[in-house]
């Protein structure tokens, strides 16, 4: 399942690093962060709890950019 969420990210380099961090989260098949559109697109693994996985994605992204915000709720 693919979903897209609004994200606040300050620069393109941070967006790339956040994308790489999101891809490492268990339950994520693929992820893409766009600095230009301020969106994160994620593809969840089959049977994944999307809310729980997005909470982990948010934590991973905050390690890269502490003031980022993903609007997934």
C-alpha atoms as a PDB file:
ATOM      1  CA  UNK A   1       0.000   0.000   0.000  1.00  0.00           C
ATOM      2  CA  UNK A   2       1.290   3.452  -0.919  1.00  0.00           C
ATOM      3  CA  UNK A   3       0.489   6.624   0.957  1.00  0.00           C
ATOM      4  CA  UNK A   4       1.653  10.209   0.787  1.00  0.00           C
ATOM      5  CA  UNK A   5       1.961  12.570   3.755  1.00  0.00           C
ATOM      6  CA  UNK A   6       2.787  16.240   4.217  1.00  0.00           C
ATOM      7  CA  UNK A   7       6.232  16.785   5.730  1.00  0.00           C
ATOM      8  CA  UNK A   8       8.168  19.830   6.911  1.00  0.00           C
ATOM      9  CA  UNK A   9      11.806  19.661   5.843  1.00  0.00           C
ATOM     10  CA  UNK A  10      14.280  22.560   5.638  1.00  0.00           C
ATOM     11  CA  UNK A  11      16.640  21.568   2.829  1.00  0.00           C
ATOM     12  CA  UNK A  12      17.088  19.112  -0.036  1.00  0.00           C
ATOM     13  CA  UNK A  13      20.074  17.413   1.590  1.00  0.00           C
ATOM     14  CA  UNK A  14      18.056  16.812   4.762  1.00  0.00           C
ATOM     15  CA  UNK A  15      15.221  15.413   2.634  1.00  0.00           C
ATOM     16  CA  UNK A  16      17.598  12.897   1.066  1.00  0.00           C
ATOM     17  CA  UNK A  17      18.957  11.847   4.456  1.00  0.00           C
ATOM     18  CA  UNK A  18      15.417  11.501   5.812  1.00  0.00           C
ATOM     19  CA  UNK A  19      14.468   9.383   2.807  1.00  0.00           C
ATOM     20  CA  UNK A  20      17.404   7.057   3.474  1.00  0.00           C
ATOM     21  CA  UNK A  21      16.445   6.806   7.163  1.00  0.00           C
ATOM     22  CA  UNK A  22      12.805   6.051   6.306  1.00  0.00           C
ATOM     23  CA  UNK A  23      13.809   3.251   3.936  1.00  0.00           C
ATOM     24  CA  UNK A  24      15.581   1.467   6.825  1.00  0.00           C
ATOM     25  CA  UNK A  25      12.447   1.310   8.989  1.00  0.00           C
ATOM     26  CA  UNK A  26      10.915  -2.134   9.307  1.00  0.00           C
ATOM     27  CA  UNK A  27       7.565  -2.207   7.541  1.00  0.00           C
ATOM     28  CA  UNK A  28       8.650   0.174   4.766  1.00  0.00           C
ATOM     29  CA  UNK A  29       9.221  -1.234   1.284  1.00  0.00           C
ATOM     30  CA  UNK A  30      10.174   2.102  -0.278  1.00  0.00           C
ATOM     31  CA  UNK A  31      10.138   5.799   0.583  1.00  0.00           C
ATOM     32  CA  UNK A  32      10.704   9.079  -1.220  1.00  0.00           C
ATOM     33  CA  UNK A  33      10.933  12.564   0.312  1.00  0.00           C
ATOM     34  CA  UNK A  34      10.431  15.598  -1.890  1.00  0.00           C
ATOM     35  CA  UNK A  35      11.818  18.885  -0.628  1.00  0.00           C
ATOM     36  CA  UNK A  36      10.049  20.778  -3.419  1.00  0.00           C
ATOM     37  CA  UNK A  37       6.548  19.470  -2.669  1.00  0.00           C
ATOM     38  CA  UNK A  38       7.112  18.928   1.074  1.00  0.00           C
ATOM     39  CA  UNK A  39       5.750  15.374   0.822  1.00  0.00           C
ATOM     40  CA  UNK A  40       6.898  11.934   1.853  1.00  0.00           C
ATOM     41  CA  UNK A  41       5.634   8.975  -0.154  1.00  0.00           C
ATOM     42  CA  UNK A  42       5.919   5.596   1.505  1.00  0.00           C
ATOM     43  CA  UNK A  43       5.146   2.082   0.377  1.00  0.00           C
ATOM     44  CA  UNK A  44       4.260  -0.182   3.274  1.00  0.00           C
ATOM     45  CA  UNK A  45       5.031  -3.883   3.511  1.00  0.00           C
ATOM     46  CA  UNK A  46       2.033  -6.202   3.328  1.00  0.00           C
ATOM     47  CA  UNK A  47       0.187  -6.365   6.636  1.00  0.00           C
ATOM     48  CA  UNK A  48       2.081  -3.447   8.204  1.00  0.00           C
ATOM     49  CA  UNK A  49       0.331  -1.291  10.810  1.00  0.00           C
ATOM     50  CA  UNK A  50       0.600   2.036   8.989  1.00  0.00           C
ATOM     51  CA  UNK A  51       0.235   4.231  12.092  1.00  0.00           C
ATOM     52  CA  UNK A  52       2.886   2.305  14.043  1.00  0.00           C
ATOM     53  CA  UNK A  53       5.274   2.246  11.086  1.00  0.00           C
ATOM     54  CA  UNK A  54       4.820   5.989  10.481  1.00  0.00           C
ATOM     55  CA  UNK A  55       5.597   6.671  14.145  1.00  0.00           C
ATOM     56  CA  UNK A  56       8.904   4.833  13.610  1.00  0.00           C
ATOM     57  CA  UNK A  57       9.530   6.740  10.362  1.00  0.00           C
ATOM     58  CA  UNK A  58       8.922  10.004  12.204  1.00  0.00           C
ATOM     59  CA  UNK A  59      11.420   9.011  14.920  1.00  0.00           C
ATOM     60  CA  UNK A  60      14.021   8.043  12.309  1.00  0.00           C
ATOM     61  CA  UNK A  61      13.557  11.329  10.464  1.00  0.00           C
ATOM     62  CA  UNK A  62      13.816  13.352  13.677  1.00  0.00           C
ATOM     63  CA  UNK A  63      17.244  11.791  14.280  1.00  0.00           C
ATOM     64  CA  UNK A  64      18.327  13.371  10.979  1.00  0.00           C
ATOM     65  CA  UNK A  65      16.424  16.652  11.308  1.00  0.00           C
ATOM     66  CA  UNK A  66      15.127  17.227  14.878  1.00  0.00           C
ATOM     67  CA  UNK A  67      12.660  19.950  13.898  1.00  0.00           C
ATOM     68  CA  UNK A  68      11.026  18.061  11.012  1.00  0.00           C
ATOM     69  CA  UNK A  69       7.387  17.106  11.208  1.00  0.00           C
ATOM     70  CA  UNK A  70       5.398  14.443   9.371  1.00  0.00           C
ATOM     71  CA  UNK A  71       1.620  14.872   9.367  1.00  0.00           C
ATOM     72  CA  UNK A  72       0.462  11.255   9.450  1.00  0.00           C
ATOM     73  CA  UNK A  73      -2.320  11.410  12.039  1.00  0.00           C
END
